[in-house]
Amino acid sequence: MPVVMAPTALASGLVIALCLYLLLELKTSRPDGTLIDVHPYRRVMFHIMPTRNESVVYFDSWVDSEALVSYLEEAKERFGGDLSRAVAGAVSVGMKEAPSMNHFVVGHRKYARNKIWVSMRMLSQSGGAKERLLTIKECVPSTMTFRDLCESTDARLESARDGTDRQVGGTATALGLLPAPASRLLARLALALDYFNLLPSSVIEHDPLFCSLLIANPSRGDIEPGYHHLYEWGNCPLILMIGRVEDRPMKVDERLVFRKQLHLRYAYDERIDDGLSARFGFEAVKRVLENPYAELGCLSEDGSDAVFLTAHAGGGRT
């Protein structure tokens, strides 16, 4: 009798496991995004290029920064505006104008992110030997101005220095505190939960790698930016490395002149959309940074030049 029942028990277990897998595959809802129906060609891409790093595209952009440099001098004095946050604001505008750049792929499906979330790697600004690199995550709603963005990220940096911000480091930092076997096991479990859309919303909300964009400015204007890989943890489809502002030759009215230019290097997941849509977004970023007084504003005392980052297009004021 045991010899007869063993295969039956094994078959039953396999059937149960298969049914459970199919049920899990049917769950398409997530707390951070809405499922999108895509063209069959792009749906195939999710299977033949299942990871972000085999789907990554690298793109270089140069921004005429003559106006940006003078604008940031004023913005820094008034409310602590700096280059990293100016880029964050510009990308937020770009995602409003090219919404597909705020999509992501998880579990061989494409989702539209419900909000614009920007993660930034920034120095703690404490100065001296205690200065350290922190990763903070900021939501950019339709009513946020550039000044609001700077003040909100300053508050997050302050709480990060105090150790009260749960976003700093996120899940990866928490797993790194565990012994290696436990860390590997829990990392695989977390990846599986995310794949099947079962990861708790509290993890997604506070982890900086569940974001629309990750901005890194490691050089602080001293060296050229590198090409950054994408992370397989989280669902960040776009990483932007900020380079230095330097005098470079460019053609203006049929003349070769030297102007201040900012080097930006993008790495993005091609599965979210094609290069043409990405170009629209990158051109919007370039436009905002080249026209900061109109696109970012917030320098006047009465607030008359304040601009909502994700509620305007083409340089118009709100």
C-alpha atoms as a PDB file:
ATOM      1  CA  MET A   1       0.000   0.000   0.000  1.00  0.00           C
ATOM      2  CA  PRO A   2       2.706   2.628   0.826  1.00  0.00           C
ATOM      3  CA  VAL A   3       4.339   1.909  -2.540  1.00  0.00           C
ATOM      4  CA  VAL A   4       1.079   2.722  -4.327  1.00  0.00           C
ATOM      5  CA  MET A   5       0.279   5.864  -2.335  1.00  0.00           C
ATOM      6  CA  ALA A   6       3.698   7.532  -2.606  1.00  0.00           C
ATOM      7  CA  PRO A   7       3.359   8.449  -6.297  1.00  0.00           C
ATOM      8  CA  THR A   8      -0.236   9.512  -5.674  1.00  0.00           C
ATOM      9  CA  ALA A   9       0.822  11.842  -2.848  1.00  0.00           C
ATOM     10  CA  LEU A  10       3.610  13.245  -5.036  1.00  0.00           C
ATOM     11  CA  ALA A  11       1.214  13.851  -7.922  1.00  0.00           C
ATOM     12  CA  SER A  12      -1.283  15.507  -5.597  1.00  0.00           C
ATOM     13  CA  GLY A  13       1.433  17.757  -4.237  1.00  0.00           C
ATOM     14  CA  LEU A  14       2.502  18.752  -7.732  1.00  0.00           C
ATOM     15  CA  VAL A  15      -1.091  19.516  -8.716  1.00  0.00           C
ATOM     16  CA  ILE A  16      -1.572  21.653  -5.593  1.00  0.00           C
ATOM     17  CA  ALA A  17       1.708  23.479  -6.248  1.00  0.00           C
ATOM     18  CA  LEU A  18       0.722  24.116  -9.887  1.00  0.00           C
ATOM     19  CA  CYS A  19      -2.723  25.413  -8.866  1.00  0.00           C
ATOM     20  CA  LEU A  20      -1.143  27.696  -6.269  1.00  0.00           C
ATOM     21  CA  TYR A  21       1.322  29.023  -8.850  1.00  0.00           C
ATOM     22  CA  LEU A  22      -1.470  29.734 -11.326  1.00  0.00           C
ATOM     23  CA  LEU A  23      -3.484  31.521  -8.658  1.00  0.00           C
ATOM     24  CA  LEU A  24      -0.480  33.664  -7.771  1.00  0.00           C
ATOM     25  CA  GLU A  25       0.067  34.491 -11.444  1.00  0.00           C
ATOM     26  CA  LEU A  26      -3.511  35.758 -11.641  1.00  0.00           C
ATOM     27  CA  LYS A  27      -2.823  38.498  -9.084  1.00  0.00           C
ATOM     28  CA  THR A  28      -2.038  41.620 -11.104  1.00  0.00           C
ATOM     29  CA  SER A  29      -2.837  44.443  -8.675  1.00  0.00           C
ATOM     30  CA  ARG A  30      -0.076  46.332  -6.858  1.00  0.00           C
ATOM     31  CA  PRO A  31      -0.132  49.227  -4.376  1.00  0.00           C
ATOM     32  CA  ASP A  32       2.331  51.304  -6.431  1.00  0.00           C
ATOM     33  CA  GLY A  33       1.094  50.830  -9.991  1.00  0.00           C
ATOM     34  CA  THR A  34      -1.729  50.045 -12.387  1.00  0.00           C
ATOM     35  CA  LEU A  35      -1.467  47.217 -14.907  1.00  0.00           C
ATOM     36  CA  ILE A  36      -1.125  48.298 -18.556  1.00  0.00           C
ATOM     37  CA  ASP A  37      -2.081  46.289 -21.606  1.00  0.00           C
ATOM     38  CA  VAL A  38       0.809  46.305 -24.103  1.00  0.00           C
ATOM     39  CA  HIS A  39       1.416  45.327 -27.712  1.00  0.00           C
ATOM     40  CA  PRO A  40       2.155  41.592 -28.188  1.00  0.00           C
ATOM     41  CA  TYR A  41       5.666  42.421 -29.417  1.00  0.00           C
ATOM     42  CA  ARG A  42       6.490  44.267 -26.221  1.00  0.00           C
ATOM     43  CA  ARG A  43       4.863  41.516 -24.156  1.00  0.00           C
ATOM     44  CA  VAL A  44       7.318  39.048 -25.698  1.00  0.00           C
ATOM     45  CA  MET A  45      10.190  41.333 -24.666  1.00  0.00           C
ATOM     46  CA  PHE A  46       9.284  40.758 -21.021  1.00  0.00           C
ATOM     47  CA  HIS A  47      10.058  37.056 -21.505  1.00  0.00           C
ATOM     48  CA  ILE A  48      13.121  37.164 -23.761  1.00  0.00           C
ATOM     49  CA  MET A  49      14.658  40.004 -21.688  1.00  0.00           C
ATOM     50  CA  PRO A  50      13.365  39.175 -18.191  1.00  0.00           C
ATOM     51  CA  THR A  51      15.840  41.308 -16.208  1.00  0.00           C
ATOM     52  CA  ARG A  52      16.555  45.023 -16.200  1.00  0.00           C
ATOM     53  CA  ASN A  53      20.268  44.767 -16.857  1.00  0.00           C
ATOM     54  CA  GLU A  54      19.817  42.814 -20.079  1.00  0.00           C
ATOM     55  CA  SER A  55      17.267  45.430 -21.162  1.00  0.00           C
ATOM     56  CA  VAL A  56      19.296  48.508 -20.238  1.00  0.00           C
ATOM     57  CA  VAL A  57      19.890  51.392 -22.656  1.00  0.00           C
ATOM     58  CA  TYR A  58      22.526  54.061 -22.005  1.00  0.00           C
ATOM     59  CA  PHE A  59      22.046  57.636 -23.158  1.00  0.00           C
ATOM     60  CA  ASP A  60      24.226  60.756 -22.888  1.00  0.00           C
ATOM     61  CA  SER A  61      22.858  64.289 -22.780  1.00  0.00           C
ATOM     62  CA  TRP A  62      24.586  67.674 -22.671  1.00  0.00           C
ATOM     63  CA  VAL A  63      22.734  70.644 -21.188  1.00  0.00           C
ATOM     64  CA  ASP A  64      23.619  74.285 -21.893  1.00  0.00           C
ATOM     65  CA  SER A  65      24.073  75.451 -18.300  1.00  0.00           C
ATOM     66  CA  GLU A  66      24.833  79.163 -18.578  1.00  0.00           C
ATOM     67  CA  ALA A  67      21.433  80.138 -17.151  1.00  0.00           C
ATOM     68  CA  LEU A  68      21.361  77.175 -14.734  1.00  0.00           C
ATOM     69  CA  VAL A  69      24.593  78.170 -13.011  1.00  0.00           C
ATOM     70  CA  SER A  70      23.394  81.712 -12.287  1.00  0.00           C
ATOM     71  CA  TYR A  71      19.924  80.475 -11.307  1.00  0.00           C
ATOM     72  CA  LEU A  72      21.310  77.969  -8.779  1.00  0.00           C
ATOM     73  CA  GLU A  73      23.472  80.670  -7.198  1.00  0.00           C
ATOM     74  CA  GLU A  74      20.298  82.577  -6.367  1.00  0.00           C
ATOM     75  CA  ALA A  75      18.283  79.487  -5.472  1.00  0.00           C
ATOM     76  CA  LYS A  76      20.978  78.218  -3.100  1.00  0.00           C
ATOM     77  CA  GLU A  77      20.981  81.500  -1.221  1.00  0.00           C
ATOM     78  CA  ARG A  78      17.190  81.662  -0.967  1.00  0.00           C
ATOM     79  CA  PHE A  79      16.185  78.072  -0.189  1.00  0.00           C
ATOM     80  CA  GLY A  80      19.169  75.753  -0.594  1.00  0.00           C
ATOM     81  CA  GLY A  81      18.566  74.828  -4.215  1.00  0.00           C
ATOM     82  CA  ASP A  82      21.333  72.748  -5.758  1.00  0.00           C
ATOM     83  CA  LEU A  83      22.149  70.849  -8.926  1.00  0.00           C
ATOM     84  CA  SER A  84      20.925  67.421  -7.798  1.00  0.00           C
ATOM     85  CA  ARG A  85      17.511  68.736  -6.855  1.00  0.00           C
ATOM     86  CA  ALA A  86      17.253  70.885  -9.969  1.00  0.00           C
ATOM     87  CA  VAL A  87      17.805  67.731 -12.015  1.00  0.00           C
ATOM     88  CA  ALA A  88      15.212  65.902  -9.892  1.00  0.00           C
ATOM     89  CA  GLY A  89      12.684  68.650 -10.579  1.00  0.00           C
ATOM     90  CA  ALA A  90      13.465  68.619 -14.297  1.00  0.00           C
ATOM     91  CA  VAL A  91      13.033  64.853 -14.534  1.00  0.00           C
ATOM     92  CA  SER A  92       9.705  65.116 -12.726  1.00  0.00           C
ATOM     93  CA  VAL A  93       8.561  67.518 -15.446  1.00  0.00           C
ATOM     94  CA  GLY A  94       9.907  65.116 -18.075  1.00  0.00           C
ATOM     95  CA  MET A  95       7.888  62.236 -16.640  1.00  0.00           C
ATOM     96  CA  LYS A  96       4.761  64.363 -16.709  1.00  0.00           C
ATOM     97  CA  GLU A  97       5.313  65.086 -20.406  1.00  0.00           C
ATOM     98  CA  ALA A  98       6.449  61.538 -21.289  1.00  0.00           C
ATOM     99  CA  PRO A  99       4.356  59.410 -18.870  1.00  0.00           C
ATOM    100  CA  SER A 100       5.698  56.081 -20.160  1.00  0.00           C
ATOM    101  CA  MET A 101       9.042  56.897 -18.545  1.00  0.00           C
ATOM    102  CA  ASN A 102       7.255  56.486 -15.216  1.00  0.00           C
ATOM    103  CA  HIS A 103       6.279  52.888 -16.000  1.00  0.00           C
ATOM    104  CA  PHE A 104       7.964  49.753 -14.677  1.00  0.00           C
ATOM    105  CA  VAL A 105       8.060  46.016 -15.345  1.00  0.00           C
ATOM    106  CA  VAL A 106       7.512  43.387 -12.644  1.00  0.00           C
ATOM    107  CA  GLY A 107       6.520  39.744 -13.083  1.00  0.00           C
ATOM    108  CA  HIS A 108       6.591  39.985 -16.904  1.00  0.00           C
ATOM    109  CA  ARG A 109       3.962  42.727 -16.746  1.00  0.00           C
ATOM    110  CA  LYS A 110       4.074  46.465 -17.296  1.00  0.00           C
ATOM    111  CA  TYR A 111       2.642  48.945 -14.802  1.00  0.00           C
ATOM    112  CA  ALA A 112       2.042  52.689 -14.753  1.00  0.00           C
ATOM    113  CA  ARG A 113       3.362  54.048 -11.472  1.00  0.00           C
ATOM    114  CA  ASN A 114       0.675  55.793  -9.456  1.00  0.00           C
ATOM    115  CA  LYS A 115       2.928  58.680  -8.378  1.00  0.00           C
ATOM    116  CA  ILE A 116       6.272  60.212  -9.268  1.00  0.00           C
ATOM    117  CA  TRP A 117       8.857  59.040  -6.729  1.00  0.00           C
ATOM    118  CA  VAL A 118      12.422  60.346  -6.975  1.00  0.00           C
ATOM    119  CA  SER A 119      15.265  58.801  -4.985  1.00  0.00           C
ATOM    120  CA  MET A 120      18.480  60.785  -4.576  1.00  0.00           C
ATOM    121  CA  ARG A 121      21.898  59.851  -3.296  1.00  0.00           C
ATOM    122  CA  MET A 122      23.100  62.915  -1.448  1.00  0.00           C
ATOM    123  CA  LEU A 123      25.782  63.804   1.051  1.00  0.00           C
ATOM    124  CA  SER A 124      24.562  64.318   4.600  1.00  0.00           C
ATOM    125  CA  GLN A 125      25.978  67.877   4.540  1.00  0.00           C
ATOM    126  CA  SER A 126      27.249  67.491   8.074  1.00  0.00           C
ATOM    127  CA  GLY A 127      30.771  68.254   6.907  1.00  0.00           C
ATOM    128  CA  GLY A 128      34.082  66.832   8.039  1.00  0.00           C
ATOM    129  CA  ALA A 129      34.798  63.175   8.659  1.00  0.00           C
ATOM    130  CA  LYS A 130      31.173  62.440   9.606  1.00  0.00           C
ATOM    131  CA  GLU A 131      29.868  63.379   6.163  1.00  0.00           C
ATOM    132  CA  ARG A 132      28.294  60.338   4.502  1.00  0.00           C
ATOM    133  CA  LEU A 133      26.290  59.397   1.456  1.00  0.00           C
ATOM    134  CA  LEU A 134      22.547  58.978   2.069  1.00  0.00           C
ATOM    135  CA  THR A 135      19.735  57.812  -0.193  1.00  0.00           C
ATOM    136  CA  ILE A 136      16.434  59.610   0.302  1.00  0.00           C
ATOM    137  CA  LYS A 137      13.117  59.122  -1.486  1.00  0.00           C
ATOM    138  CA  GLU A 138      10.722  61.943  -2.302  1.00  0.00           C
ATOM    139  CA  CYS A 139       7.222  61.958  -3.777  1.00  0.00           C
ATOM    140  CA  VAL A 140       6.641  64.784  -6.280  1.00  0.00           C
ATOM    141  CA  PRO A 141       2.899  65.588  -6.358  1.00  0.00           C
ATOM    142  CA  SER A 142       1.274  67.928  -8.857  1.00  0.00           C
ATOM    143  CA  THR A 143       1.295  70.771  -6.313  1.00  0.00           C
ATOM    144  CA  MET A 144       5.030  70.696  -5.548  1.00  0.00           C
ATOM    145  CA  THR A 145       7.299  73.550  -6.628  1.00  0.00           C
ATOM    146  CA  PHE A 146      11.086  73.443  -6.859  1.00  0.00           C
ATOM    147  CA  ARG A 147      11.344  75.297  -3.577  1.00  0.00           C
ATOM    148  CA  ASP A 148       8.994  72.762  -1.946  1.00  0.00           C
ATOM    149  CA  LEU A 149      11.178  69.954  -3.278  1.00  0.00           C
ATOM    150  CA  CYS A 150      14.330  71.483  -1.799  1.00  0.00           C
ATOM    151  CA  GLU A 151      12.738  72.117   1.587  1.00  0.00           C
ATOM    152  CA  SER A 152      11.197  68.648   1.763  1.00  0.00           C
ATOM    153  CA  THR A 153      14.453  66.880   0.870  1.00  0.00           C
ATOM    154  CA  ASP A 154      16.307  69.028   3.414  1.00  0.00           C
ATOM    155  CA  ALA A 155      13.893  67.756   6.056  1.00  0.00           C
ATOM    156  CA  ARG A 156      14.474  64.163   4.924  1.00  0.00           C
ATOM    157  CA  LEU A 157      18.228  64.647   5.077  1.00  0.00           C
ATOM    158  CA  GLU A 158      17.881  65.960   8.608  1.00  0.00           C
ATOM    159  CA  SER A 159      15.821  62.962   9.706  1.00  0.00           C
ATOM    160  CA  ALA A 160      18.270  60.658   7.912  1.00  0.00           C
ATOM    161  CA  ARG A 161      21.156  62.128   9.885  1.00  0.00           C
ATOM    162  CA  ASP A 162      19.160  61.537  13.070  1.00  0.00           C
ATOM    163  CA  GLY A 163      18.390  57.944  12.027  1.00  0.00           C
ATOM    164  CA  THR A 164      14.612  58.469  12.069  1.00  0.00           C
ATOM    165  CA  ASP A 165      13.972  58.194   8.298  1.00  0.00           C
ATOM    166  CA  ARG A 166      12.924  54.637   7.407  1.00  0.00           C
ATOM    167  CA  GLN A 167      13.705  55.156   3.731  1.00  0.00           C
ATOM    168  CA  VAL A 168      17.467  55.394   4.143  1.00  0.00           C
ATOM    169  CA  GLY A 169      18.999  52.190   2.824  1.00  0.00           C
ATOM    170  CA  GLY A 170      15.647  50.414   2.602  1.00  0.00           C
ATOM    171  CA  THR A 171      15.295  46.644   2.509  1.00  0.00           C
ATOM    172  CA  ALA A 172      18.831  46.036   1.245  1.00  0.00           C
ATOM    173  CA  THR A 173      20.348  47.673   4.324  1.00  0.00           C
ATOM    174  CA  ALA A 174      18.082  45.683   6.640  1.00  0.00           C
ATOM    175  CA  LEU A 175      19.060  42.395   4.968  1.00  0.00           C
ATOM    176  CA  GLY A 176      22.734  43.337   5.204  1.00  0.00           C
ATOM    177  CA  LEU A 177      22.486  43.291   9.002  1.00  0.00           C
ATOM    178  CA  LEU A 178      21.591  39.570   9.002  1.00  0.00           C
ATOM    179  CA  PRO A 179      23.911  36.557   8.734  1.00  0.00           C
ATOM    180  CA  ALA A 180      24.678  35.633   5.105  1.00  0.00           C
ATOM    181  CA  PRO A 181      22.444  32.502   4.885  1.00  0.00           C
ATOM    182  CA  ALA A 182      19.459  34.331   6.361  1.00  0.00           C
ATOM    183  CA  SER A 183      20.116  37.333   4.130  1.00  0.00           C
ATOM    184  CA  ARG A 184      20.177  35.170   0.978  1.00  0.00           C
ATOM    185  CA  LEU A 185      17.004  33.330   1.955  1.00  0.00           C
ATOM    186  CA  LEU A 186      15.050  36.451   2.837  1.00  0.00           C
ATOM    187  CA  ALA A 187      16.291  38.283  -0.273  1.00  0.00           C
ATOM    188  CA  ARG A 188      14.963  35.494  -2.492  1.00  0.00           C
ATOM    189  CA  LEU A 189      11.693  35.447  -0.572  1.00  0.00           C
ATOM    190  CA  ALA A 190      11.326  39.218  -0.976  1.00  0.00           C
ATOM    191  CA  LEU A 191      12.031  38.971  -4.718  1.00  0.00           C
ATOM    192  CA  ALA A 192       9.393  36.238  -5.048  1.00  0.00           C
ATOM    193  CA  LEU A 193       6.831  38.275  -3.114  1.00  0.00           C
ATOM    194  CA  ASP A 194       7.473  41.261  -5.353  1.00  0.00           C
ATOM    195  CA  TYR A 195       7.221  39.114  -8.496  1.00  0.00           C
ATOM    196  CA  PHE A 196       3.772  37.882  -7.443  1.00  0.00           C
ATOM    197  CA  ASN A 197       2.663  41.367  -6.261  1.00  0.00           C
ATOM    198  CA  LEU A 198       2.534  40.249  -2.635  1.00  0.00           C
ATOM    199  CA  LEU A 199       5.172  42.566  -1.204  1.00  0.00           C
ATOM    200  CA  PRO A 200       3.644  44.740   1.551  1.00  0.00           C
ATOM    201  CA  SER A 201       2.929  48.334   0.596  1.00  0.00           C
ATOM    202  CA  SER A 202       4.917  49.531   3.622  1.00  0.00           C
ATOM    203  CA  VAL A 203       8.076  47.980   2.141  1.00  0.00           C
ATOM    204  CA  ILE A 204       7.421  49.476  -1.290  1.00  0.00           C
ATOM    205  CA  GLU A 205       6.670  52.950   0.056  1.00  0.00           C
ATOM    206  CA  HIS A 206       9.781  53.205   2.197  1.00  0.00           C
ATOM    207  CA  ASP A 207      12.346  51.431   0.029  1.00  0.00           C
ATOM    208  CA  PRO A 208      14.274  53.924  -2.171  1.00  0.00           C
ATOM    209  CA  LEU A 209      14.670  51.416  -5.026  1.00  0.00           C
ATOM    210  CA  PHE A 210      10.910  51.299  -5.593  1.00  0.00           C
ATOM    211  CA  CYS A 211      10.928  54.624  -7.408  1.00  0.00           C
ATOM    212  CA  SER A 212      10.496  56.368 -10.736  1.00  0.00           C
ATOM    213  CA  LEU A 213      14.098  57.514 -10.840  1.00  0.00           C
ATOM    214  CA  LEU A 214      17.348  57.266  -8.896  1.00  0.00           C
ATOM    215  CA  ILE A 215      19.697  60.259  -9.154  1.00  0.00           C
ATOM    216  CA  ALA A 216      23.360  59.984  -8.238  1.00  0.00           C
ATOM    217  CA  ASN A 217      25.817  62.867  -8.152  1.00  0.00           C
ATOM    218  CA  PRO A 218      28.983  61.152  -6.904  1.00  0.00           C
ATOM    219  CA  SER A 219      31.481  63.531  -8.470  1.00  0.00           C
ATOM    220  CA  ARG A 220      30.190  66.753  -6.916  1.00  0.00           C
ATOM    221  CA  GLY A 221      31.414  68.420 -10.104  1.00  0.00           C
ATOM    222  CA  ASP A 222      34.954  67.017  -9.972  1.00  0.00           C
ATOM    223  CA  ILE A 223      34.930  64.089 -12.432  1.00  0.00           C
ATOM    224  CA  GLU A 224      32.970  62.669 -15.329  1.00  0.00           C
ATOM    225  CA  PRO A 225      29.939  60.504 -14.474  1.00  0.00           C
ATOM    226  CA  GLY A 226      30.012  56.768 -15.083  1.00  0.00           C
ATOM    227  CA  TYR A 227      27.412  54.527 -16.690  1.00  0.00           C
ATOM    228  CA  HIS A 228      25.334  53.029 -13.889  1.00  0.00           C
ATOM    229  CA  HIS A 229      23.705  49.610 -13.940  1.00  0.00           C
ATOM    230  CA  LEU A 230      20.045  49.103 -13.025  1.00  0.00           C
ATOM    231  CA  TYR A 231      19.049  47.234  -9.856  1.00  0.00           C
ATOM    232  CA  GLU A 232      17.227  43.924  -9.983  1.00  0.00           C
ATOM    233  CA  TRP A 233      15.749  44.646  -6.565  1.00  0.00           C
ATOM    234  CA  GLY A 234      12.903  47.149  -6.550  1.00  0.00           C
ATOM    235  CA  ASN A 235      11.343  48.455  -9.751  1.00  0.00           C
ATOM    236  CA  CYS A 236      13.394  51.544 -10.600  1.00  0.00           C
ATOM    237  CA  PRO A 237      13.593  51.712 -14.427  1.00  0.00           C
ATOM    238  CA  LEU A 238      15.793  54.816 -14.701  1.00  0.00           C
ATOM    239  CA  ILE A 239      19.092  55.888 -13.121  1.00  0.00           C
ATOM    240  CA  LEU A 240      20.662  59.244 -13.883  1.00  0.00           C
ATOM    241  CA  MET A 241      24.298  60.081 -13.174  1.00  0.00           C
ATOM    242  CA  ILE A 242      25.092  63.803 -12.902  1.00  0.00           C
ATOM    243  CA  GLY A 243      28.446  64.963 -14.241  1.00  0.00           C
ATOM    244  CA  ARG A 244      30.239  68.232 -13.960  1.00  0.00           C
ATOM    245  CA  VAL A 245      29.527  71.620 -15.468  1.00  0.00           C
ATOM    246  CA  GLU A 246      32.407  72.560 -17.762  1.00  0.00           C
ATOM    247  CA  ASP A 247      33.192  74.861 -20.660  1.00  0.00           C
ATOM    248  CA  ARG A 248      32.729  72.952 -23.914  1.00  0.00           C
ATOM    249  CA  PRO A 249      32.550  73.988 -27.584  1.00  0.00           C
ATOM    250  CA  MET A 250      29.136  74.198 -29.209  1.00  0.00           C
ATOM    251  CA  LYS A 251      27.706  75.678 -32.409  1.00  0.00           C
ATOM    252  CA  VAL A 252      25.661  78.856 -31.961  1.00  0.00           C
ATOM    253  CA  ASP A 253      24.461  80.836 -35.009  1.00  0.00           C
ATOM    254  CA  GLU A 254      27.027  79.133 -37.260  1.00  0.00           C
ATOM    255  CA  ARG A 255      29.830  80.049 -34.838  1.00  0.00           C
ATOM    256  CA  LEU A 256      31.833  77.792 -32.548  1.00  0.00           C
ATOM    257  CA  VAL A 257      31.702  79.139 -28.993  1.00  0.00           C
ATOM    258  CA  PHE A 258      32.542  77.824 -25.546  1.00  0.00           C
ATOM    259  CA  ARG A 259      29.643  77.617 -23.099  1.00  0.00           C
ATOM    260  CA  LYS A 260      29.051  75.981 -19.748  1.00  0.00           C
ATOM    261  CA  GLN A 261      27.506  72.535 -20.253  1.00  0.00           C
ATOM    262  CA  LEU A 262      26.271  69.847 -17.868  1.00  0.00           C
ATOM    263  CA  HIS A 263      26.843  66.176 -18.662  1.00  0.00           C
ATOM    264  CA  LEU A 264      23.985  63.779 -17.807  1.00  0.00           C
ATOM    265  CA  ARG A 265      24.156  60.011 -18.285  1.00  0.00           C
ATOM    266  CA  TYR A 266      20.977  57.944 -18.256  1.00  0.00           C
ATOM    267  CA  ALA A 267      20.493  54.200 -17.891  1.00  0.00           C
ATOM    268  CA  TYR A 268      16.918  53.059 -18.466  1.00  0.00           C
ATOM    269  CA  ASP A 269      14.924  49.881 -18.916  1.00  0.00           C
ATOM    270  CA  GLU A 270      13.963  49.654 -22.602  1.00  0.00           C
ATOM    271  CA  ARG A 271      10.993  47.433 -21.758  1.00  0.00           C
ATOM    272  CA  ILE A 272       9.040  50.396 -20.362  1.00  0.00           C
ATOM    273  CA  ASP A 273       8.934  52.080 -23.786  1.00  0.00           C
ATOM    274  CA  ASP A 274      10.886  52.714 -26.982  1.00  0.00           C
ATOM    275  CA  GLY A 275      13.696  55.186 -27.551  1.00  0.00           C
ATOM    276  CA  LEU A 276      11.426  57.805 -29.136  1.00  0.00           C
ATOM    277  CA  SER A 277       9.317  58.141 -25.979  1.00  0.00           C
ATOM    278  CA  ALA A 278      12.488  58.259 -23.891  1.00  0.00           C
ATOM    279  CA  ARG A 279      13.827  61.034 -26.110  1.00  0.00           C
ATOM    280  CA  PHE A 280      10.734  63.170 -25.470  1.00  0.00           C
ATOM    281  CA  GLY A 281      11.337  62.841 -21.732  1.00  0.00           C
ATOM    282  CA  PHE A 282      15.063  63.564 -21.949  1.00  0.00           C
ATOM    283  CA  GLU A 283      14.436  66.611 -24.146  1.00  0.00           C
ATOM    284  CA  ALA A 284      11.975  67.939 -21.549  1.00  0.00           C
ATOM    285  CA  VAL A 285      14.662  67.567 -18.855  1.00  0.00           C
ATOM    286  CA  LYS A 286      17.101  69.454 -21.062  1.00  0.00           C
ATOM    287  CA  ARG A 287      14.538  72.208 -21.725  1.00  0.00           C
ATOM    288  CA  VAL A 288      13.790  72.726 -18.043  1.00  0.00           C
ATOM    289  CA  LEU A 289      17.453  72.909 -17.038  1.00  0.00           C
ATOM    290  CA  GLU A 290      18.271  75.314 -19.869  1.00  0.00           C
ATOM    291  CA  ASN A 291      15.368  77.615 -18.883  1.00  0.00           C
ATOM    292  CA  PRO A 292      15.352  77.394 -15.070  1.00  0.00           C
ATOM    293  CA  TYR A 293      13.969  80.866 -14.391  1.00  0.00           C
ATOM    294  CA  ALA A 294      10.747  80.039 -16.264  1.00  0.00           C
ATOM    295  CA  GLU A 295      10.563  76.277 -15.610  1.00  0.00           C
ATOM    296  CA  LEU A 296      11.683  76.124 -11.945  1.00  0.00           C
ATOM    297  CA  GLY A 297      11.191  79.700 -10.741  1.00  0.00           C
ATOM    298  CA  CYS A 298      10.532  80.313  -7.016  1.00  0.00           C
ATOM    299  CA  LEU A 299      13.000  83.212  -6.744  1.00  0.00           C
ATOM    300  CA  SER A 300      10.602  86.130  -6.263  1.00  0.00           C
ATOM    301  CA  GLU A 301       9.644  87.125  -2.733  1.00  0.00           C
ATOM    302  CA  ASP A 302       5.914  87.192  -3.498  1.00  0.00           C
ATOM    303  CA  GLY A 303       5.937  83.717  -5.074  1.00  0.00           C
ATOM    304  CA  SER A 304       4.620  85.020  -8.407  1.00  0.00           C
ATOM    305  CA  ASP A 305       7.134  82.925 -10.360  1.00  0.00           C
ATOM    306  CA  ALA A 306       6.380  79.653  -8.526  1.00  0.00           C
ATOM    307  CA  VAL A 307       5.857  76.727 -10.915  1.00  0.00           C
ATOM    308  CA  PHE A 308       4.241  73.396 -10.113  1.00  0.00           C
ATOM    309  CA  LEU A 309       6.775  70.855 -11.374  1.00  0.00           C
ATOM    310  CA  THR A 310       4.402  68.247 -12.760  1.00  0.00           C
ATOM    311  CA  ALA A 311       1.510  70.506 -13.760  1.00  0.00           C
ATOM    312  CA  HIS A 312       2.995  72.499 -16.623  1.00  0.00           C
ATOM    313  CA  ALA A 313       4.474  71.901 -20.042  1.00  0.00           C
ATOM    314  CA  GLY A 314       6.536  73.864 -22.503  1.00  0.00           C
ATOM    315  CA  GLY A 315       7.725  76.476 -20.038  1.00  0.00           C
ATOM    316  CA  GLY A 316       4.308  77.815 -19.046  1.00  0.00           C
ATOM    317  CA  ARG A 317       3.705  79.094 -15.548  1.00  0.00           C
ATOM    318  CA  THR A 318       0.908  77.924 -13.297  1.00  0.00           C
END
